[in-house]
Protein backbone atom coordinates (compact mmCIF):
# COMPACT_ATOMS: atom_id res chain seq x y z
CA MET A 1 0.00 -0.01 -0.01
CA THR A 2 1.29 3.45 -0.85
CA ALA A 3 1.29 6.49 1.42
CA GLN A 4 -1.86 8.59 1.41
CA SER A 5 -2.15 12.36 1.11
CA GLY A 6 -3.49 14.08 4.24
CA LYS A 7 -5.64 16.37 2.09
CA ASP A 8 -7.71 13.33 1.13
CA LEU A 9 -8.95 12.83 4.71
CA LEU A 10 -12.20 14.76 4.44
CA VAL A 11 -14.75 15.87 7.03
CA LYS A 12 -18.19 16.46 5.52
CA ILE A 13 -21.24 18.04 7.14
CA ASP A 14 -24.88 17.28 6.32
CA MET A 15 -26.13 20.63 5.04
CA ASP A 16 -29.89 19.93 5.13
CA ASN A 17 -30.45 16.98 7.51
CA ALA A 18 -31.30 14.94 4.43
CA GLY A 19 -27.90 13.47 3.50
CA SER A 20 -26.50 16.32 1.40
CA PHE A 21 -22.85 16.15 2.59
CA VAL A 22 -20.38 18.92 1.78
CA THR A 23 -16.73 19.14 2.85
CA LEU A 24 -16.13 21.64 5.69
CA ALA A 25 -14.51 24.66 4.04
CA GLY A 26 -10.93 25.65 4.70
CA LEU A 27 -9.80 22.61 6.68
CA ARG A 28 -6.04 22.02 6.44
CA ALA A 29 -5.77 19.32 9.08
CA SER A 30 -8.37 16.83 10.29
CA ARG A 31 -8.46 13.91 12.70
CA ILE A 32 -10.90 11.24 13.83
CA SER A 33 -10.35 9.31 17.04
CA PHE A 34 -12.17 6.19 18.22
CA ASN A 35 -12.42 5.40 21.93
CA SER A 36 -13.64 2.43 23.95
CA GLU A 37 -13.95 2.36 27.72
CA THR A 38 -13.19 -0.86 29.54
CA ILE A 39 -15.11 -2.61 32.30
CA ASP A 40 -12.83 -4.23 34.84
CA THR A 41 -14.15 -7.59 36.09
CA THR A 42 -11.04 -8.58 38.02
CA SER A 43 -11.74 -10.48 41.23
CA LEU A 44 -9.89 -12.53 43.83
CA GLU A 45 -10.34 -15.53 41.53
CA SER A 46 -8.59 -13.85 38.57
CA ALA A 47 -5.67 -16.04 37.47
CA GLY A 48 -2.42 -14.72 38.89
CA GLY A 49 -4.08 -11.46 39.86
CA TRP A 50 -4.18 -10.35 36.22
CA ARG A 51 -6.79 -7.83 35.24
CA GLU A 52 -9.83 -9.19 33.39
CA LEU A 53 -12.06 -7.12 31.12
CA LEU A 54 -15.69 -7.62 30.13
CA SER A 55 -15.76 -8.38 26.41
CA GLY A 56 -18.09 -6.09 24.48
CA GLY A 57 -18.68 -3.87 27.51
CA GLY A 58 -18.10 -0.18 27.97
CA VAL A 59 -19.05 2.97 26.12
CA ARG A 60 -17.68 3.54 22.63
CA SER A 61 -17.29 7.01 21.21
CA ALA A 62 -15.59 8.95 18.47
CA SER A 63 -14.33 12.49 18.16
CA ILE A 64 -13.47 14.62 15.17
CA SER A 65 -11.18 17.62 15.20
CA GLY A 66 -9.79 19.88 12.58
CA SER A 67 -8.18 23.20 11.86
CA GLY A 68 -7.95 25.43 8.86
CA VAL A 69 -8.43 28.77 7.21
CA PHE A 70 -11.65 30.63 8.03
CA CYS A 71 -13.45 31.12 4.71
CA ASP A 72 -16.94 32.29 5.81
CA ASP A 73 -18.39 29.70 3.48
CA VAL A 74 -21.90 28.21 3.69
CA THR A 75 -20.41 25.24 5.55
CA ASP A 76 -18.93 27.62 8.14
CA ALA A 77 -22.37 29.19 8.59
CA ARG A 78 -23.93 25.74 8.99
CA ALA A 79 -21.34 24.76 11.62
CA ARG A 80 -21.94 27.99 13.57
CA GLU A 81 -25.71 27.46 13.41
CA LEU A 82 -25.35 23.92 14.73
CA PHE A 83 -22.97 24.98 17.48
CA PHE A 84 -25.12 27.83 18.81
CA ASN A 85 -28.23 25.61 18.71
CA ALA A 86 -26.32 22.73 20.41
CA ALA A 87 -27.73 20.57 17.59
CA VAL A 88 -26.68 17.10 16.55
CA THR A 89 -26.46 16.27 12.85
CA ASP A 90 -24.76 13.71 10.61
CA TYR A 91 -21.18 13.98 9.41
CA GLN A 92 -19.03 11.84 7.15
CA VAL A 93 -15.31 11.28 7.46
CA ILE A 94 -13.64 9.96 4.31
CA ILE A 95 -10.44 8.06 5.08
CA PRO A 96 -8.47 7.43 1.87
CA ASP A 97 -8.06 3.78 0.87
CA PHE A 98 -9.97 2.75 4.02
CA GLY A 99 -13.59 3.83 3.93
CA THR A 100 -16.28 6.21 5.11
CA ILE A 101 -17.39 6.72 8.72
CA GLU A 102 -20.83 8.28 9.08
CA GLY A 103 -22.99 9.21 12.04
CA ALA A 104 -24.33 11.88 14.32
CA PHE A 105 -21.97 14.33 16.03
CA GLN A 106 -22.32 17.50 18.05
CA ILE A 107 -19.89 20.40 17.71
CA THR A 108 -18.31 20.84 21.14
CA ASN A 109 -15.79 23.58 20.36
CA ILE A 110 -15.07 26.24 17.72
CA GLU A 111 -12.14 28.62 18.05
CA TYR A 112 -11.25 31.49 15.76
CA SER A 113 -7.86 33.22 15.76
CA GLY A 114 -5.61 35.27 13.57
CA LYS A 115 -2.32 37.09 13.49
CA TYR A 116 -1.84 40.63 12.27
CA ASN A 117 0.25 39.45 9.31
CA GLY A 118 -1.53 36.12 8.69
CA GLU A 119 -4.84 34.56 7.76
CA ALA A 120 -7.82 34.07 10.07
CA VAL A 121 -7.97 30.42 11.18
CA TYR A 122 -10.34 28.19 13.06
CA GLU A 123 -10.33 24.96 15.05
CA ILE A 124 -13.33 22.72 15.51
CA SER A 125 -14.09 19.68 17.70
CA LEU A 126 -17.00 17.27 17.52
CA ALA A 127 -18.24 14.42 19.75
CA SER A 128 -20.22 11.41 18.52
CA SER A 129 -23.84 10.87 19.48
CA GLY A 130 -25.06 7.35 18.80
CA ALA A 131 -23.89 4.50 16.61
CA LEU A 132 -21.56 5.13 13.69
CA THR A 133 -21.53 3.23 10.40
CA PHE A 134 -18.51 2.19 8.36
CA ALA A 135 -18.46 1.52 4.64
CA ALA A 136 -15.20 0.13 3.27
CA LEU A 137 -13.81 1.47 0.00
């Protein structure tokens, strides 16, 4: 397998709650992280005192984060609307040569910044809400 270009890792937002996904404007860097909590079932009877975990237990979650140039695009306006309404909507993350992750997320953080001699930039963070789907490429 060959190396993949980071620009091909796309974060897309549902623009109309009907499955019309558009790439978030201006992103230069994006990341998706999957998490799984463990449930410790270790007891006095655990062999050698080794920790035991409950298979299939615990809460699973995902988070998306990204940063880029603030463009004041329609996707930026959609993200701001969702954030200020604390709304949950669907997103897609396209991972090159891997597949597409899709599901509901809530924007938990948006930061805007800029330097006097540079461009205005933003950072965004999202937390999953419910089950995610995966479609392999």
